[in-house]
Amino acid sequence: VQLVESGGGLVQPGGSLRLSCAASGFPVSIYDMTWYRQAPGKERELVAGISSSGGRTIYADSVKGRFTISRDNAKNTVFLQMNSLKPEDTAVYYCQRIAGNYWGQGTQVTVSS
């Protein structure tokens, strides 16, 4: 099982980024997947999740209406589309497969002017 995040970077407030979590060793279509983030000096927090069946999604209140989690089964990848970014979204973002508690290495997102 391997999860590799990408797509992070430096973006101005109000901008957008799309994070990708490329999975290998298992099909993302049959697992619940999540995105977490951890800002300096803070605990890791859940940002968004998507269920294995039916595509049910959940979001932290702080990102509702701005972030969208999705899954491309053909690419075996989970995405996090982030719009209207704010400085407080700055963090390292991690992808997780809940079953077995597998994590990627993280990708840095910095929102700053």
N, C-alpha and C. Protein backbone atom coordinates (compact mmCIF):
# COMPACT_ATOMS: atom_id res chain seq x y z
N VAL A 1 0.85 -1.19 0.00
CA VAL A 1 0.00 0.00 0.00
C VAL A 1 0.88 1.23 0.00
N GLN A 2 0.61 2.13 -0.93
CA GLN A 2 1.37 3.38 -0.99
C GLN A 2 0.43 4.51 -1.40
N LEU A 3 0.61 5.65 -0.74
CA LEU A 3 -0.14 6.86 -1.05
C LEU A 3 0.86 7.97 -1.31
N VAL A 4 0.74 8.65 -2.44
CA VAL A 4 1.66 9.72 -2.79
C VAL A 4 0.86 10.98 -3.12
N GLU A 5 1.02 12.00 -2.26
CA GLU A 5 0.34 13.27 -2.49
C GLU A 5 1.18 14.18 -3.38
N SER A 6 0.49 15.03 -4.11
CA SER A 6 1.15 16.03 -4.94
C SER A 6 0.18 17.18 -5.17
N GLY A 7 0.72 18.26 -5.72
CA GLY A 7 -0.14 19.39 -6.07
C GLY A 7 -0.06 20.57 -5.13
N GLY A 8 0.68 20.44 -4.05
CA GLY A 8 0.81 21.55 -3.14
C GLY A 8 1.69 22.65 -3.72
N GLY A 9 1.76 23.76 -2.99
CA GLY A 9 2.59 24.87 -3.44
C GLY A 9 2.22 26.14 -2.75
N LEU A 10 2.74 27.24 -3.29
CA LEU A 10 2.47 28.57 -2.77
C LEU A 10 1.39 29.22 -3.63
N VAL A 11 0.37 29.74 -2.99
CA VAL A 11 -0.73 30.38 -3.72
C VAL A 11 -1.18 31.61 -2.94
N GLN A 12 -1.65 32.61 -3.66
CA GLN A 12 -2.14 33.82 -3.02
C GLN A 12 -3.54 33.59 -2.42
N PRO A 13 -3.89 34.36 -1.41
CA PRO A 13 -5.26 34.26 -0.87
C PRO A 13 -6.29 34.44 -1.98
N GLY A 14 -7.33 33.62 -1.92
CA GLY A 14 -8.36 33.62 -2.95
C GLY A 14 -8.07 32.68 -4.11
N GLY A 15 -6.87 32.14 -4.16
CA GLY A 15 -6.50 31.25 -5.25
C GLY A 15 -6.99 29.82 -5.04
N SER A 16 -6.58 28.97 -5.98
CA SER A 16 -7.02 27.58 -5.96
C SER A 16 -5.84 26.63 -6.15
N LEU A 17 -5.99 25.44 -5.62
CA LEU A 17 -5.06 24.34 -5.84
C LEU A 17 -5.85 23.04 -5.90
N ARG A 18 -5.33 22.08 -6.63
CA ARG A 18 -5.91 20.75 -6.61
C ARG A 18 -4.85 19.76 -6.16
N LEU A 19 -5.09 19.13 -5.04
CA LEU A 19 -4.19 18.11 -4.53
C LEU A 19 -4.59 16.74 -5.07
N SER A 20 -3.59 15.92 -5.32
CA SER A 20 -3.82 14.56 -5.78
C SER A 20 -3.20 13.57 -4.80
N CYS A 21 -3.85 12.44 -4.66
CA CYS A 21 -3.34 11.35 -3.83
C CYS A 21 -3.37 10.10 -4.69
N ALA A 22 -2.23 9.75 -5.24
CA ALA A 22 -2.13 8.57 -6.10
C ALA A 22 -1.91 7.33 -5.24
N ALA A 23 -2.79 6.38 -5.39
CA ALA A 23 -2.72 5.16 -4.58
C ALA A 23 -2.16 4.00 -5.40
N SER A 24 -1.46 3.13 -4.74
CA SER A 24 -0.99 1.90 -5.37
C SER A 24 -1.09 0.77 -4.36
N GLY A 25 -1.28 -0.43 -4.87
CA GLY A 25 -1.39 -1.59 -4.00
C GLY A 25 -2.79 -1.93 -3.56
N PHE A 26 -3.74 -1.08 -3.92
CA PHE A 26 -5.14 -1.33 -3.59
C PHE A 26 -6.01 -0.41 -4.44
N PRO A 27 -7.27 -0.77 -4.65
CA PRO A 27 -8.18 0.09 -5.42
C PRO A 27 -8.88 1.09 -4.51
N VAL A 28 -8.75 2.39 -4.80
CA VAL A 28 -9.39 3.39 -3.94
C VAL A 28 -10.91 3.28 -3.98
N SER A 29 -11.43 2.60 -5.00
CA SER A 29 -12.87 2.53 -5.17
C SER A 29 -13.57 1.76 -4.04
N ILE A 30 -12.83 0.94 -3.30
CA ILE A 30 -13.50 0.12 -2.28
C ILE A 30 -13.09 0.50 -0.86
N TYR A 31 -12.45 1.65 -0.73
CA TYR A 31 -12.04 2.11 0.59
C TYR A 31 -12.50 3.54 0.86
N ASP A 32 -12.84 3.81 2.13
CA ASP A 32 -13.07 5.18 2.57
C ASP A 32 -11.72 5.89 2.63
N MET A 33 -11.69 7.08 2.07
CA MET A 33 -10.44 7.84 2.00
C MET A 33 -10.66 9.23 2.60
N THR A 34 -9.60 9.79 3.18
CA THR A 34 -9.71 11.11 3.78
C THR A 34 -8.51 11.98 3.42
N TRP A 35 -8.70 13.27 3.60
CA TRP A 35 -7.62 14.25 3.59
C TRP A 35 -7.57 14.89 4.97
N TYR A 36 -6.37 14.98 5.52
CA TYR A 36 -6.12 15.67 6.77
C TYR A 36 -5.12 16.79 6.49
N ARG A 37 -4.98 17.69 7.44
CA ARG A 37 -3.94 18.70 7.36
C ARG A 37 -3.38 18.98 8.75
N GLN A 38 -2.15 19.45 8.75
CA GLN A 38 -1.49 19.80 10.00
C GLN A 38 -0.71 21.09 9.81
N ALA A 39 -1.12 22.10 10.55
CA ALA A 39 -0.42 23.38 10.53
C ALA A 39 0.64 23.39 11.62
N PRO A 40 1.67 24.23 11.48
CA PRO A 40 2.73 24.28 12.50
C PRO A 40 2.17 24.54 13.89
N GLY A 41 2.57 23.70 14.84
CA GLY A 41 2.14 23.88 16.21
C GLY A 41 0.73 23.44 16.52
N LYS A 42 0.07 22.84 15.53
CA LYS A 42 -1.31 22.41 15.72
C LYS A 42 -1.44 20.91 15.49
N GLU A 43 -2.53 20.34 16.00
CA GLU A 43 -2.78 18.93 15.78
C GLU A 43 -3.30 18.70 14.36
N ARG A 44 -3.08 17.47 13.89
CA ARG A 44 -3.61 17.10 12.59
C ARG A 44 -5.14 17.08 12.65
N GLU A 45 -5.78 17.64 11.64
CA GLU A 45 -7.23 17.71 11.64
C GLU A 45 -7.82 17.18 10.34
N LEU A 46 -9.01 16.59 10.47
CA LEU A 46 -9.71 16.09 9.30
C LEU A 46 -10.22 17.24 8.45
N VAL A 47 -9.96 17.18 7.15
CA VAL A 47 -10.42 18.19 6.21
C VAL A 47 -11.62 17.69 5.44
N ALA A 48 -11.51 16.48 4.88
CA ALA A 48 -12.60 15.94 4.05
C ALA A 48 -12.47 14.43 3.97
N GLY A 49 -13.60 13.77 3.70
CA GLY A 49 -13.60 12.33 3.53
C GLY A 49 -14.58 11.92 2.47
N ILE A 50 -14.32 10.77 1.85
CA ILE A 50 -15.21 10.24 0.83
C ILE A 50 -15.38 8.76 1.07
N SER A 51 -16.62 8.29 0.99
CA SER A 51 -16.90 6.89 1.27
C SER A 51 -16.58 6.03 0.06
N SER A 52 -16.44 4.75 0.33
CA SER A 52 -16.09 3.81 -0.73
C SER A 52 -17.25 3.57 -1.69
N SER A 53 -18.44 3.65 -1.18
CA SER A 53 -19.60 3.38 -2.02
C SER A 53 -20.57 4.55 -1.95
N GLY A 54 -21.11 4.91 -3.04
CA GLY A 54 -22.09 5.98 -3.08
C GLY A 54 -21.49 7.37 -3.10
N GLY A 55 -20.19 7.45 -2.87
CA GLY A 55 -19.56 8.75 -2.97
C GLY A 55 -19.99 9.75 -1.92
N ARG A 56 -20.41 9.26 -0.73
CA ARG A 56 -20.77 10.20 0.34
C ARG A 56 -19.53 10.96 0.78
N THR A 57 -19.70 12.24 1.09
CA THR A 57 -18.57 13.08 1.47
C THR A 57 -18.87 13.82 2.77
N ILE A 58 -17.80 14.13 3.50
CA ILE A 58 -17.90 14.95 4.69
C ILE A 58 -16.80 16.00 4.63
N TYR A 59 -17.05 17.13 5.30
CA TYR A 59 -16.09 18.23 5.29
C TYR A 59 -16.03 18.88 6.67
N ALA A 60 -14.84 19.37 6.99
CA ALA A 60 -14.71 20.22 8.16
C ALA A 60 -15.50 21.51 7.91
N ASP A 61 -16.08 22.05 8.97
CA ASP A 61 -16.86 23.28 8.82
C ASP A 61 -16.03 24.40 8.20
N SER A 62 -14.75 24.42 8.51
CA SER A 62 -13.88 25.51 8.04
C SER A 62 -13.65 25.49 6.53
N VAL A 63 -13.94 24.36 5.87
CA VAL A 63 -13.68 24.27 4.43
C VAL A 63 -14.95 24.03 3.61
N LYS A 64 -16.09 23.85 4.27
CA LYS A 64 -17.34 23.61 3.54
C LYS A 64 -17.63 24.73 2.55
N GLY A 65 -18.00 24.34 1.35
CA GLY A 65 -18.29 25.31 0.32
C GLY A 65 -17.07 25.79 -0.45
N ARG A 66 -15.88 25.44 0.03
CA ARG A 66 -14.63 25.86 -0.65
C ARG A 66 -13.84 24.68 -1.18
N PHE A 67 -13.88 23.57 -0.47
CA PHE A 67 -13.10 22.37 -0.85
C PHE A 67 -14.04 21.28 -1.34
N THR A 68 -13.54 20.48 -2.27
CA THR A 68 -14.30 19.35 -2.78
C THR A 68 -13.40 18.13 -2.89
N ILE A 69 -13.82 17.04 -2.26
CA ILE A 69 -13.08 15.79 -2.38
C ILE A 69 -13.75 14.93 -3.45
N SER A 70 -12.92 14.26 -4.23
CA SER A 70 -13.46 13.40 -5.29
C SER A 70 -12.50 12.24 -5.52
N ARG A 71 -12.96 11.31 -6.35
CA ARG A 71 -12.17 10.11 -6.59
C ARG A 71 -12.27 9.74 -8.06
N ASP A 72 -11.15 9.41 -8.67
CA ASP A 72 -11.13 8.90 -10.04
C ASP A 72 -10.66 7.46 -9.98
N ASN A 73 -11.61 6.55 -10.09
CA ASN A 73 -11.25 5.13 -9.94
C ASN A 73 -10.34 4.63 -11.05
N ALA A 74 -10.51 5.17 -12.24
CA ALA A 74 -9.66 4.73 -13.36
C ALA A 74 -8.21 5.12 -13.14
N LYS A 75 -7.99 6.27 -12.50
CA LYS A 75 -6.64 6.72 -12.21
C LYS A 75 -6.18 6.27 -10.83
N ASN A 76 -7.09 5.63 -10.08
CA ASN A 76 -6.79 5.19 -8.72
C ASN A 76 -6.25 6.34 -7.87
N THR A 77 -6.92 7.46 -7.96
CA THR A 77 -6.45 8.70 -7.34
C THR A 77 -7.62 9.40 -6.64
N VAL A 78 -7.30 10.00 -5.49
CA VAL A 78 -8.25 10.83 -4.76
C VAL A 78 -7.77 12.28 -4.88
N PHE A 79 -8.71 13.18 -5.08
CA PHE A 79 -8.38 14.60 -5.27
C PHE A 79 -8.98 15.45 -4.16
N LEU A 80 -8.36 16.60 -3.96
CA LEU A 80 -8.94 17.63 -3.10
C LEU A 80 -8.83 18.95 -3.84
N GLN A 81 -9.95 19.42 -4.35
CA GLN A 81 -9.99 20.72 -5.02
C GLN A 81 -10.21 21.78 -3.95
N MET A 82 -9.31 22.74 -3.90
CA MET A 82 -9.36 23.78 -2.88
C MET A 82 -9.50 25.13 -3.56
N ASN A 83 -10.60 25.80 -3.31
CA ASN A 83 -10.87 27.13 -3.87
C ASN A 83 -10.95 28.16 -2.77
N SER A 84 -10.88 29.42 -3.16
CA SER A 84 -10.99 30.53 -2.20
C SER A 84 -10.08 30.31 -1.00
N LEU A 85 -8.85 29.98 -1.28
CA LEU A 85 -7.91 29.65 -0.20
C LEU A 85 -7.62 30.84 0.68
N LYS A 86 -7.41 30.54 1.97
CA LYS A 86 -7.15 31.56 2.99
C LYS A 86 -5.81 31.26 3.64
N PRO A 87 -5.18 32.26 4.23
CA PRO A 87 -3.90 32.01 4.91
C PRO A 87 -4.02 30.91 5.97
N GLU A 88 -5.16 30.80 6.60
CA GLU A 88 -5.32 29.77 7.63
C GLU A 88 -5.44 28.36 7.06
N ASP A 89 -5.48 28.22 5.75
CA ASP A 89 -5.44 26.90 5.12
C ASP A 89 -4.01 26.39 4.98
N THR A 90 -3.04 27.23 5.30
CA THR A 90 -1.63 26.83 5.21
C THR A 90 -1.37 25.65 6.13
N ALA A 91 -0.83 24.58 5.57
CA ALA A 91 -0.58 23.35 6.33
C ALA A 91 0.05 22.32 5.41
N VAL A 92 0.50 21.23 6.02
CA VAL A 92 0.86 20.05 5.25
C VAL A 92 -0.41 19.20 5.15
N TYR A 93 -0.73 18.80 3.93
CA TYR A 93 -1.95 18.03 3.68
C TYR A 93 -1.58 16.57 3.44
N TYR A 94 -2.32 15.69 4.10
CA TYR A 94 -2.05 14.27 4.05
C TYR A 94 -3.27 13.51 3.55
N CYS A 95 -3.01 12.48 2.79
CA CYS A 95 -4.04 11.56 2.34
C CYS A 95 -3.99 10.33 3.25
N GLN A 96 -5.16 9.77 3.56
CA GLN A 96 -5.23 8.60 4.43
C GLN A 96 -6.21 7.58 3.90
N ARG A 97 -5.80 6.32 3.96
CA ARG A 97 -6.75 5.23 3.82
C ARG A 97 -7.13 4.79 5.23
N ILE A 98 -8.41 4.93 5.57
CA ILE A 98 -8.83 4.68 6.94
C ILE A 98 -8.55 3.24 7.37
N ALA A 99 -8.90 2.28 6.54
CA ALA A 99 -8.66 0.88 6.86
C ALA A 99 -7.17 0.61 6.86
N GLY A 100 -6.67 0.24 8.00
CA GLY A 100 -5.25 -0.01 8.12
C GLY A 100 -4.44 1.21 8.48
N ASN A 101 -5.10 2.40 8.47
CA ASN A 101 -4.46 3.65 8.87
C ASN A 101 -3.18 3.92 8.08
N TYR A 102 -3.32 3.89 6.74
CA TYR A 102 -2.18 4.20 5.88
C TYR A 102 -2.18 5.69 5.53
N TRP A 103 -0.97 6.28 5.52
CA TRP A 103 -0.81 7.71 5.26
C TRP A 103 0.22 7.94 4.16
N GLY A 104 0.04 9.04 3.46
CA GLY A 104 1.05 9.48 2.53
C GLY A 104 2.08 10.34 3.26
N GLN A 105 3.03 10.88 2.49
CA GLN A 105 4.11 11.67 3.08
C GLN A 105 3.73 13.13 3.27
N GLY A 106 2.63 13.54 2.64
CA GLY A 106 2.17 14.91 2.79
C GLY A 106 2.66 15.83 1.68
N THR A 107 1.90 16.90 1.47
CA THR A 107 2.28 17.94 0.51
C THR A 107 2.00 19.29 1.15
N GLN A 108 2.95 20.21 1.02
CA GLN A 108 2.84 21.51 1.68
C GLN A 108 1.98 22.46 0.87
N VAL A 109 1.03 23.09 1.55
CA VAL A 109 0.22 24.15 0.95
C VAL A 109 0.47 25.42 1.76
N THR A 110 0.89 26.47 1.06
CA THR A 110 1.14 27.76 1.70
C THR A 110 0.30 28.82 1.00
N VAL A 111 -0.53 29.49 1.79
CA VAL A 111 -1.38 30.55 1.24
C VAL A 111 -0.88 31.88 1.80
N SER A 112 -0.31 32.68 0.93
CA SER A 112 0.31 33.92 1.37
C SER A 112 0.43 34.88 0.21
N SER A 113 0.35 36.17 0.53
CA SER A 113 0.55 37.19 -0.50
C SER A 113 2.00 37.67 -0.51
